[in-house]
Amino acid sequence: MENISIQKATLEDIEQLQKIGRETFFETFSSSNTEENMKQYLEEGFSIEKLTDELSNENSEFYFALSETKVIGYLKINFGISQTELKDEKALEIERIYVLKEFHSKKVGQILYEKAIEIANRKNSDYVWLGVWEENPRAISFYKKNGFVEFDKHIFRLGDDEQTDIMMKLNLQ
């Protein structure tokens, strides 16, 4: 088992965040989406401006998973009004857990997930929730294995394509 460490990302890490964000999103979704939609999302969703806003937001946090000094995955969590939906003060949203494909079987996602739960417990959150693409069975089974249950659906737009995310939650209290 490799030695995986977790480190909070700051504005100084913006280029690394942009790189790991684009790389993992592309690996995860490029085979299921058009080249134009992917290109547009990678440019806009991971622009320096957008990442600066997100990193500067006191209600969002990013964490890197590192193998030695290499960033191999990341976590993004949101609290309060920064949640993409629900906006419940007593909830924590896991907006993203992404890991490079070559590290998929190394429990990196689990380590990032456990970091999110640790923070949710520290903040006395009642529950943790997230949205996961309905055509990402790997992620859905990961969250089910961790005790999450489906409670709703919502639409995620990727370019001109409307996709359905399954919303899942885990009660902590």
N, C-alpha and C. Protein backbone atom coordinates (compact mmCIF):
# COMPACT_ATOMS: atom_id res chain seq x y z
N MET A 1 0.86 -1.19 0.00
CA MET A 1 0.00 0.00 0.00
C MET A 1 0.89 1.24 0.00
N GLU A 2 0.63 2.11 -0.94
CA GLU A 2 1.44 3.32 -1.01
C GLU A 2 1.09 4.25 0.13
N ASN A 3 1.99 5.15 0.40
CA ASN A 3 1.75 6.11 1.46
C ASN A 3 1.01 7.32 0.87
N ILE A 4 -0.25 7.43 1.18
CA ILE A 4 -1.08 8.51 0.64
C ILE A 4 -1.27 9.55 1.74
N SER A 5 -0.97 10.81 1.42
CA SER A 5 -1.21 11.85 2.41
C SER A 5 -2.25 12.82 1.88
N ILE A 6 -2.91 13.53 2.79
CA ILE A 6 -3.95 14.50 2.43
C ILE A 6 -3.46 15.88 2.83
N GLN A 7 -3.64 16.82 1.92
CA GLN A 7 -3.17 18.18 2.20
C GLN A 7 -4.21 19.17 1.69
N LYS A 8 -4.53 20.16 2.50
CA LYS A 8 -5.50 21.17 2.08
C LYS A 8 -4.90 22.01 0.96
N ALA A 9 -5.69 22.27 -0.06
CA ALA A 9 -5.22 23.08 -1.19
C ALA A 9 -5.50 24.56 -0.92
N THR A 10 -4.57 25.41 -1.30
CA THR A 10 -4.72 26.86 -1.14
C THR A 10 -4.55 27.53 -2.50
N LEU A 11 -4.69 28.85 -2.52
CA LEU A 11 -4.52 29.59 -3.78
C LEU A 11 -3.16 29.35 -4.44
N GLU A 12 -2.14 29.07 -3.61
CA GLU A 12 -0.81 28.80 -4.20
C GLU A 12 -0.82 27.51 -5.03
N ASP A 13 -1.80 26.65 -4.77
CA ASP A 13 -1.86 25.35 -5.45
C ASP A 13 -2.77 25.37 -6.67
N ILE A 14 -3.15 26.56 -7.11
CA ILE A 14 -4.20 26.66 -8.14
C ILE A 14 -3.84 25.93 -9.44
N GLU A 15 -2.58 25.99 -9.85
CA GLU A 15 -2.21 25.33 -11.10
C GLU A 15 -2.28 23.81 -10.96
N GLN A 16 -1.87 23.31 -9.80
CA GLN A 16 -1.97 21.86 -9.56
C GLN A 16 -3.43 21.44 -9.52
N LEU A 17 -4.27 22.28 -8.92
CA LEU A 17 -5.70 21.96 -8.84
C LEU A 17 -6.31 21.94 -10.24
N GLN A 18 -5.95 22.92 -11.05
CA GLN A 18 -6.46 22.97 -12.42
C GLN A 18 -6.05 21.71 -13.19
N LYS A 19 -4.80 21.31 -13.01
CA LYS A 19 -4.27 20.14 -13.73
C LYS A 19 -4.97 18.85 -13.28
N ILE A 20 -5.05 18.62 -11.98
CA ILE A 20 -5.68 17.38 -11.50
C ILE A 20 -7.18 17.41 -11.79
N GLY A 21 -7.79 18.58 -11.72
CA GLY A 21 -9.22 18.71 -12.01
C GLY A 21 -9.53 18.34 -13.45
N ARG A 22 -8.77 18.92 -14.37
CA ARG A 22 -9.00 18.65 -15.80
C ARG A 22 -8.68 17.20 -16.13
N GLU A 23 -7.55 16.72 -15.61
CA GLU A 23 -7.09 15.36 -15.93
C GLU A 23 -8.09 14.30 -15.48
N THR A 24 -8.55 14.41 -14.22
CA THR A 24 -9.45 13.39 -13.69
C THR A 24 -10.84 13.49 -14.32
N PHE A 25 -11.31 14.71 -14.59
CA PHE A 25 -12.62 14.86 -15.22
C PHE A 25 -12.59 14.26 -16.62
N PHE A 26 -11.52 14.53 -17.34
CA PHE A 26 -11.38 14.00 -18.70
C PHE A 26 -11.35 12.47 -18.67
N GLU A 27 -10.53 11.91 -17.79
CA GLU A 27 -10.43 10.45 -17.70
C GLU A 27 -11.79 9.81 -17.37
N THR A 28 -12.53 10.46 -16.49
CA THR A 28 -13.79 9.90 -16.02
C THR A 28 -14.90 9.99 -17.05
N PHE A 29 -14.98 11.11 -17.78
CA PHE A 29 -16.17 11.36 -18.59
C PHE A 29 -15.96 11.50 -20.10
N SER A 30 -14.72 11.54 -20.59
CA SER A 30 -14.52 11.84 -22.01
C SER A 30 -15.13 10.78 -22.92
N SER A 31 -15.13 9.52 -22.50
CA SER A 31 -15.64 8.47 -23.38
C SER A 31 -17.16 8.55 -23.54
N SER A 32 -17.83 9.24 -22.61
CA SER A 32 -19.31 9.28 -22.67
C SER A 32 -19.85 10.61 -23.16
N ASN A 33 -18.97 11.54 -23.57
CA ASN A 33 -19.43 12.87 -23.97
C ASN A 33 -18.75 13.32 -25.26
N THR A 34 -19.38 14.30 -25.93
CA THR A 34 -18.79 14.79 -27.17
C THR A 34 -17.53 15.60 -26.86
N GLU A 35 -16.67 15.65 -27.85
CA GLU A 35 -15.41 16.38 -27.70
C GLU A 35 -15.67 17.87 -27.42
N GLU A 36 -16.67 18.45 -28.11
CA GLU A 36 -16.98 19.88 -27.93
C GLU A 36 -17.45 20.16 -26.51
N ASN A 37 -18.38 19.33 -26.01
CA ASN A 37 -18.90 19.54 -24.66
C ASN A 37 -17.80 19.37 -23.61
N MET A 38 -16.94 18.39 -23.81
CA MET A 38 -15.84 18.17 -22.87
C MET A 38 -14.90 19.38 -22.87
N LYS A 39 -14.54 19.82 -24.07
CA LYS A 39 -13.60 20.93 -24.22
C LYS A 39 -14.15 22.18 -23.51
N GLN A 40 -15.42 22.47 -23.76
CA GLN A 40 -16.05 23.64 -23.15
C GLN A 40 -16.05 23.51 -21.62
N TYR A 41 -16.42 22.35 -21.12
CA TYR A 41 -16.50 22.19 -19.66
C TYR A 41 -15.11 22.27 -19.02
N LEU A 42 -14.12 21.66 -19.65
CA LEU A 42 -12.77 21.67 -19.08
C LEU A 42 -12.21 23.09 -19.06
N GLU A 43 -12.54 23.87 -20.09
CA GLU A 43 -12.07 25.26 -20.13
C GLU A 43 -12.77 26.11 -19.08
N GLU A 44 -14.10 26.02 -19.03
CA GLU A 44 -14.87 26.90 -18.14
C GLU A 44 -14.86 26.41 -16.70
N GLY A 45 -15.10 25.11 -16.52
CA GLY A 45 -15.23 24.55 -15.18
C GLY A 45 -13.93 24.59 -14.39
N PHE A 46 -12.81 24.61 -15.10
CA PHE A 46 -11.52 24.61 -14.41
C PHE A 46 -10.66 25.80 -14.82
N SER A 47 -11.34 26.91 -15.16
CA SER A 47 -10.59 28.13 -15.50
C SER A 47 -9.94 28.67 -14.22
N ILE A 48 -8.86 29.41 -14.39
CA ILE A 48 -8.16 30.01 -13.24
C ILE A 48 -9.12 30.94 -12.48
N GLU A 49 -9.98 31.68 -13.21
CA GLU A 49 -10.93 32.59 -12.56
C GLU A 49 -11.89 31.81 -11.65
N LYS A 50 -12.47 30.74 -12.20
CA LYS A 50 -13.44 29.96 -11.43
C LYS A 50 -12.77 29.29 -10.23
N LEU A 51 -11.59 28.73 -10.43
CA LEU A 51 -10.89 28.07 -9.33
C LEU A 51 -10.45 29.08 -8.27
N THR A 52 -10.09 30.29 -8.69
CA THR A 52 -9.73 31.34 -7.72
C THR A 52 -10.93 31.66 -6.83
N ASP A 53 -12.10 31.81 -7.47
CA ASP A 53 -13.34 32.05 -6.71
C ASP A 53 -13.59 30.93 -5.72
N GLU A 54 -13.48 29.70 -6.20
CA GLU A 54 -13.78 28.54 -5.36
C GLU A 54 -12.79 28.41 -4.20
N LEU A 55 -11.51 28.60 -4.50
CA LEU A 55 -10.48 28.50 -3.45
C LEU A 55 -10.58 29.64 -2.44
N SER A 56 -11.11 30.78 -2.86
CA SER A 56 -11.23 31.94 -1.97
C SER A 56 -12.52 31.89 -1.15
N ASN A 57 -13.39 30.95 -1.45
CA ASN A 57 -14.70 30.87 -0.78
C ASN A 57 -14.54 30.18 0.57
N GLU A 58 -14.90 30.89 1.63
CA GLU A 58 -14.70 30.33 2.97
C GLU A 58 -15.63 29.15 3.27
N ASN A 59 -16.65 28.96 2.43
CA ASN A 59 -17.57 27.84 2.62
C ASN A 59 -17.28 26.64 1.71
N SER A 60 -16.11 26.66 1.08
CA SER A 60 -15.68 25.52 0.26
C SER A 60 -14.24 25.19 0.64
N GLU A 61 -13.91 23.91 0.58
CA GLU A 61 -12.53 23.49 0.84
C GLU A 61 -12.13 22.42 -0.17
N PHE A 62 -10.87 22.49 -0.57
CA PHE A 62 -10.28 21.48 -1.45
C PHE A 62 -9.16 20.76 -0.71
N TYR A 63 -9.06 19.46 -0.93
CA TYR A 63 -7.97 18.67 -0.37
C TYR A 63 -7.36 17.82 -1.46
N PHE A 64 -6.03 17.79 -1.49
CA PHE A 64 -5.31 16.93 -2.42
C PHE A 64 -4.99 15.60 -1.75
N ALA A 65 -5.01 14.54 -2.56
CA ALA A 65 -4.42 13.26 -2.14
C ALA A 65 -3.07 13.20 -2.83
N LEU A 66 -2.03 12.96 -2.05
CA LEU A 66 -0.67 12.91 -2.59
C LEU A 66 -0.05 11.53 -2.40
N SER A 67 0.64 11.09 -3.45
CA SER A 67 1.47 9.91 -3.34
C SER A 67 2.89 10.46 -3.45
N GLU A 68 3.64 10.40 -2.35
CA GLU A 68 4.91 11.13 -2.26
C GLU A 68 4.57 12.62 -2.46
N THR A 69 5.05 13.21 -3.57
CA THR A 69 4.74 14.63 -3.81
C THR A 69 3.79 14.82 -4.98
N LYS A 70 3.37 13.72 -5.60
CA LYS A 70 2.50 13.80 -6.78
C LYS A 70 1.03 13.87 -6.36
N VAL A 71 0.32 14.88 -6.90
CA VAL A 71 -1.12 14.98 -6.65
C VAL A 71 -1.82 13.93 -7.51
N ILE A 72 -2.55 13.02 -6.84
CA ILE A 72 -3.18 11.91 -7.56
C ILE A 72 -4.71 11.94 -7.48
N GLY A 73 -5.24 12.89 -6.72
CA GLY A 73 -6.68 13.00 -6.61
C GLY A 73 -7.03 14.20 -5.75
N TYR A 74 -8.32 14.52 -5.70
CA TYR A 74 -8.72 15.65 -4.85
C TYR A 74 -10.17 15.51 -4.42
N LEU A 75 -10.47 16.28 -3.38
CA LEU A 75 -11.80 16.33 -2.78
C LEU A 75 -12.24 17.79 -2.75
N LYS A 76 -13.51 18.04 -3.05
CA LYS A 76 -14.07 19.37 -2.85
C LYS A 76 -15.33 19.23 -2.01
N ILE A 77 -15.38 19.98 -0.90
CA ILE A 77 -16.56 19.97 -0.05
C ILE A 77 -17.11 21.38 0.09
N ASN A 78 -18.42 21.47 0.32
CA ASN A 78 -19.10 22.76 0.47
C ASN A 78 -19.98 22.75 1.70
N PHE A 79 -20.08 23.93 2.33
CA PHE A 79 -20.94 24.10 3.50
C PHE A 79 -21.94 25.22 3.23
N GLY A 80 -23.01 25.25 4.01
CA GLY A 80 -23.93 26.39 3.99
C GLY A 80 -24.36 26.82 2.61
N ILE A 81 -24.27 28.12 2.35
CA ILE A 81 -24.78 28.68 1.10
C ILE A 81 -23.95 28.29 -0.12
N SER A 82 -22.77 27.72 0.09
CA SER A 82 -21.94 27.34 -1.05
C SER A 82 -22.32 25.98 -1.62
N GLN A 83 -23.24 25.27 -0.95
CA GLN A 83 -23.67 23.99 -1.49
C GLN A 83 -24.39 24.23 -2.82
N THR A 84 -24.22 23.29 -3.74
CA THR A 84 -24.81 23.48 -5.07
C THR A 84 -26.34 23.42 -5.02
N GLU A 85 -26.88 22.72 -4.03
CA GLU A 85 -28.33 22.68 -3.80
C GLU A 85 -28.54 22.52 -2.30
N LEU A 86 -29.77 22.34 -1.90
CA LEU A 86 -30.15 22.15 -0.49
C LEU A 86 -29.77 23.32 0.40
N LYS A 87 -28.51 23.74 0.40
CA LYS A 87 -28.04 24.90 1.17
C LYS A 87 -28.42 24.81 2.65
N ASP A 88 -28.37 23.61 3.19
CA ASP A 88 -28.75 23.37 4.57
C ASP A 88 -27.53 23.59 5.47
N GLU A 89 -27.67 24.46 6.44
CA GLU A 89 -26.57 24.76 7.38
C GLU A 89 -26.09 23.51 8.12
N LYS A 90 -26.98 22.52 8.25
CA LYS A 90 -26.63 21.32 9.02
C LYS A 90 -26.10 20.20 8.12
N ALA A 91 -25.79 20.56 6.87
CA ALA A 91 -25.31 19.54 5.94
C ALA A 91 -23.93 19.89 5.40
N LEU A 92 -23.23 18.87 4.93
CA LEU A 92 -21.99 19.07 4.20
C LEU A 92 -22.17 18.38 2.85
N GLU A 93 -21.79 19.08 1.78
CA GLU A 93 -21.87 18.51 0.44
C GLU A 93 -20.48 18.05 -0.01
N ILE A 94 -20.41 16.82 -0.48
CA ILE A 94 -19.20 16.37 -1.18
C ILE A 94 -19.47 16.68 -2.65
N GLU A 95 -18.83 17.73 -3.16
CA GLU A 95 -19.08 18.08 -4.56
C GLU A 95 -18.25 17.23 -5.50
N ARG A 96 -17.01 16.95 -5.09
CA ARG A 96 -16.15 16.15 -5.98
C ARG A 96 -15.18 15.28 -5.20
N ILE A 97 -15.08 14.03 -5.64
CA ILE A 97 -13.95 13.18 -5.26
C ILE A 97 -13.47 12.59 -6.58
N TYR A 98 -12.29 12.98 -7.01
CA TYR A 98 -11.73 12.46 -8.25
C TYR A 98 -10.33 11.93 -8.01
N VAL A 99 -10.05 10.79 -8.62
CA VAL A 99 -8.74 10.15 -8.47
C VAL A 99 -8.27 9.71 -9.85
N LEU A 100 -6.97 9.90 -10.11
CA LEU A 100 -6.42 9.45 -11.39
C LEU A 100 -6.66 7.95 -11.55
N LYS A 101 -6.99 7.55 -12.79
CA LYS A 101 -7.32 6.15 -13.08
C LYS A 101 -6.28 5.17 -12.57
N GLU A 102 -5.00 5.50 -12.76
CA GLU A 102 -3.96 4.52 -12.37
C GLU A 102 -3.94 4.26 -10.87
N PHE A 103 -4.62 5.10 -10.08
CA PHE A 103 -4.66 4.91 -8.62
C PHE A 103 -6.02 4.43 -8.13
N HIS A 104 -6.89 4.03 -9.07
CA HIS A 104 -8.26 3.65 -8.70
C HIS A 104 -8.38 2.52 -7.70
N SER A 105 -7.50 1.56 -7.72
CA SER A 105 -7.68 0.42 -6.82
C SER A 105 -6.87 0.58 -5.53
N LYS A 106 -6.41 1.80 -5.28
CA LYS A 106 -5.49 2.01 -4.14
C LYS A 106 -6.17 2.68 -2.93
N LYS A 107 -7.50 2.69 -2.90
CA LYS A 107 -8.24 3.23 -1.75
C LYS A 107 -8.09 4.75 -1.57
N VAL A 108 -7.65 5.44 -2.61
CA VAL A 108 -7.45 6.89 -2.51
C VAL A 108 -8.79 7.60 -2.33
N GLY A 109 -9.79 7.17 -3.10
CA GLY A 109 -11.12 7.75 -2.97
C GLY A 109 -11.67 7.58 -1.56
N GLN A 110 -11.42 6.41 -0.99
CA GLN A 110 -11.89 6.12 0.37
C GLN A 110 -11.21 7.05 1.39
N ILE A 111 -9.92 7.29 1.20
CA ILE A 111 -9.18 8.17 2.12
C ILE A 111 -9.71 9.61 2.03
N LEU A 112 -9.98 10.07 0.80
CA LEU A 112 -10.54 11.41 0.61
C LEU A 112 -11.95 11.48 1.20
N TYR A 113 -12.72 10.42 0.97
CA TYR A 113 -14.08 10.35 1.51
C TYR A 113 -14.05 10.42 3.04
N GLU A 114 -13.14 9.67 3.65
CA GLU A 114 -13.05 9.66 5.12
C GLU A 114 -12.66 11.03 5.66
N LYS A 115 -11.85 11.78 4.90
CA LYS A 115 -11.51 13.15 5.28
C LYS A 115 -12.77 14.02 5.31
N ALA A 116 -13.62 13.86 4.31
CA ALA A 116 -14.87 14.63 4.25
C ALA A 116 -15.76 14.30 5.45
N ILE A 117 -15.86 13.03 5.80
CA ILE A 117 -16.70 12.61 6.92
C ILE A 117 -16.14 13.15 8.24
N GLU A 118 -14.81 13.11 8.37
CA GLU A 118 -14.15 13.64 9.57
C GLU A 118 -14.50 15.13 9.75
N ILE A 119 -14.46 15.90 8.64
CA ILE A 119 -14.79 17.33 8.70
C ILE A 119 -16.28 17.52 9.02
N ALA A 120 -17.13 16.71 8.41
CA ALA A 120 -18.57 16.81 8.67
C ALA A 120 -18.86 16.56 10.15
N ASN A 121 -18.20 15.57 10.73
CA ASN A 121 -18.38 15.28 12.15
C ASN A 121 -17.87 16.42 13.03
N ARG A 122 -16.72 16.99 12.63
CA ARG A 122 -16.15 18.10 13.39
C ARG A 122 -17.08 19.31 13.37
N LYS A 123 -17.80 19.49 12.25
CA LYS A 123 -18.72 20.62 12.11
C LYS A 123 -20.12 20.27 12.62
N ASN A 124 -20.25 19.10 13.21
CA ASN A 124 -21.56 18.63 13.72
C ASN A 124 -22.64 18.63 12.65
N SER A 125 -22.29 18.26 11.44
CA SER A 125 -23.30 18.16 10.38
C SER A 125 -24.26 17.02 10.69
N ASP A 126 -25.52 17.22 10.34
CA ASP A 126 -26.51 16.15 10.51
C ASP A 126 -26.36 15.09 9.43
N TYR A 127 -25.98 15.54 8.24
CA TYR A 127 -25.83 14.59 7.14
C TYR A 127 -24.87 15.12 6.09
N VAL A 128 -24.43 14.20 5.24
CA VAL A 128 -23.56 14.51 4.11
C VAL A 128 -24.35 14.11 2.86
N TRP A 129 -24.27 14.94 1.81
CA TRP A 129 -24.98 14.60 0.58
C TRP A 129 -24.10 14.88 -0.62
N LEU A 130 -24.51 14.35 -1.77
CA LEU A 130 -23.75 14.53 -3.01
C LEU A 130 -24.63 14.16 -4.19
N GLY A 131 -24.18 14.57 -5.36
CA GLY A 131 -24.83 14.17 -6.61
C GLY A 131 -23.84 13.32 -7.40
N VAL A 132 -24.34 12.23 -7.99
CA VAL A 132 -23.46 11.36 -8.78
C VAL A 132 -24.18 10.99 -10.08
N TRP A 133 -23.45 11.06 -11.19
CA TRP A 133 -24.04 10.81 -12.50
C TRP A 133 -24.65 9.41 -12.54
N GLU A 134 -25.89 9.32 -13.04
CA GLU A 134 -26.59 8.02 -13.05
C GLU A 134 -25.86 6.98 -13.89
N GLU A 135 -25.00 7.41 -14.79
CA GLU A 135 -24.26 6.45 -15.62
C GLU A 135 -22.83 6.23 -15.12
N ASN A 136 -22.63 6.45 -13.83
CA ASN A 136 -21.32 6.19 -13.22
C ASN A 136 -21.50 5.13 -12.12
N PRO A 137 -21.71 3.87 -12.54
CA PRO A 137 -22.03 2.82 -11.57
C PRO A 137 -20.93 2.61 -10.54
N ARG A 138 -19.68 2.86 -10.94
CA ARG A 138 -18.55 2.68 -10.03
C ARG A 138 -18.69 3.61 -8.82
N ALA A 139 -19.02 4.88 -9.10
CA ALA A 139 -19.18 5.86 -8.03
C ALA A 139 -20.43 5.56 -7.19
N ILE A 140 -21.52 5.19 -7.86
CA ILE A 140 -22.75 4.89 -7.12
C ILE A 140 -22.52 3.75 -6.14
N SER A 141 -21.85 2.69 -6.59
CA SER A 141 -21.64 1.56 -5.68
C SER A 141 -20.66 1.93 -4.57
N PHE A 142 -19.70 2.81 -4.85
CA PHE A 142 -18.78 3.28 -3.81
C PHE A 142 -19.56 3.96 -2.68
N TYR A 143 -20.48 4.86 -3.05
CA TYR A 143 -21.23 5.58 -2.03
C TYR A 143 -22.23 4.67 -1.31
N LYS A 144 -22.85 3.75 -2.05
CA LYS A 144 -23.77 2.81 -1.40
C LYS A 144 -23.02 1.96 -0.37
N LYS A 145 -21.82 1.54 -0.76
CA LYS A 145 -21.00 0.73 0.14
C LYS A 145 -20.68 1.51 1.43
N ASN A 146 -20.61 2.83 1.29
CA ASN A 146 -20.34 3.69 2.45
C ASN A 146 -21.62 4.14 3.16
N GLY A 147 -22.74 3.55 2.80
CA GLY A 147 -23.97 3.80 3.55
C GLY A 147 -24.90 4.87 3.01
N PHE A 148 -24.57 5.45 1.85
CA PHE A 148 -25.43 6.49 1.27
C PHE A 148 -26.69 5.88 0.65
N VAL A 149 -27.78 6.64 0.72
CA VAL A 149 -29.02 6.22 0.07
C VAL A 149 -29.48 7.32 -0.90
N GLU A 150 -30.15 6.90 -1.97
CA GLU A 150 -30.67 7.86 -2.95
C GLU A 150 -31.88 8.58 -2.36
N PHE A 151 -31.97 9.89 -2.63
CA PHE A 151 -33.14 10.62 -2.15
C PHE A 151 -33.77 11.54 -3.19
N ASP A 152 -33.09 11.77 -4.32
CA ASP A 152 -33.63 12.69 -5.32
C ASP A 152 -32.78 12.59 -6.58
N LYS A 153 -33.17 13.36 -7.60
CA LYS A 153 -32.36 13.45 -8.82
C LYS A 153 -32.28 14.93 -9.20
N HIS A 154 -31.24 15.29 -9.93
CA HIS A 154 -31.21 16.64 -10.49
C HIS A 154 -30.46 16.64 -11.81
N ILE A 155 -30.60 17.71 -12.55
CA ILE A 155 -29.99 17.80 -13.88
C ILE A 155 -28.64 18.51 -13.80
N PHE A 156 -27.65 17.91 -14.46
CA PHE A 156 -26.32 18.50 -14.56
C PHE A 156 -26.11 18.79 -16.05
N ARG A 157 -25.73 20.00 -16.37
CA ARG A 157 -25.51 20.36 -17.78
C ARG A 157 -24.04 20.25 -18.14
N LEU A 158 -23.76 19.48 -19.19
CA LEU A 158 -22.41 19.41 -19.72
C LEU A 158 -22.52 19.93 -21.15
N GLY A 159 -22.12 21.18 -21.36
CA GLY A 159 -22.29 21.78 -22.69
C GLY A 159 -23.77 21.81 -23.03
N ASP A 160 -24.14 21.20 -24.18
CA ASP A 160 -25.55 21.21 -24.57
C ASP A 160 -26.27 19.92 -24.15
N ASP A 161 -25.61 19.12 -23.33
CA ASP A 161 -26.18 17.84 -22.92
C ASP A 161 -26.71 17.93 -21.49
N GLU A 162 -27.97 17.52 -21.30
CA GLU A 162 -28.52 17.47 -19.95
C GLU A 162 -28.38 16.06 -19.42
N GLN A 163 -27.74 15.92 -18.27
CA GLN A 163 -27.51 14.61 -17.69
C GLN A 163 -28.15 14.55 -16.31
N THR A 164 -28.53 13.35 -15.91
CA THR A 164 -29.20 13.20 -14.63
C THR A 164 -28.22 12.73 -13.56
N ASP A 165 -28.16 13.48 -12.48
CA ASP A 165 -27.38 13.09 -11.31
C ASP A 165 -28.34 12.50 -10.28
N ILE A 166 -27.91 11.43 -9.66
CA ILE A 166 -28.65 10.86 -8.54
C ILE A 166 -28.12 11.54 -7.29
N MET A 167 -29.05 12.06 -6.47
CA MET A 167 -28.63 12.70 -5.23
C MET A 167 -28.71 11.66 -4.11
N MET A 168 -27.63 11.60 -3.33
CA MET A 168 -27.53 10.58 -2.28
C MET A 168 -27.15 11.25 -0.97
N LYS A 169 -27.57 10.66 0.14
CA LYS A 169 -27.20 11.25 1.42
C LYS A 169 -26.89 10.18 2.45
N LEU A 170 -26.14 10.61 3.45
CA LEU A 170 -25.76 9.74 4.57
C LEU A 170 -26.05 10.53 5.86
N ASN A 171 -26.92 9.98 6.70
CA ASN A 171 -27.21 10.64 7.97
C ASN A 171 -26.09 10.33 8.96
N LEU A 172 -25.65 11.37 9.67
CA LEU A 172 -24.56 11.20 10.64
C LEU A 172 -25.07 11.20 12.07
N GLN A 173 -26.25 11.79 12.28
CA GLN A 173 -26.74 11.92 13.67
C GLN A 173 -27.68 10.79 14.03
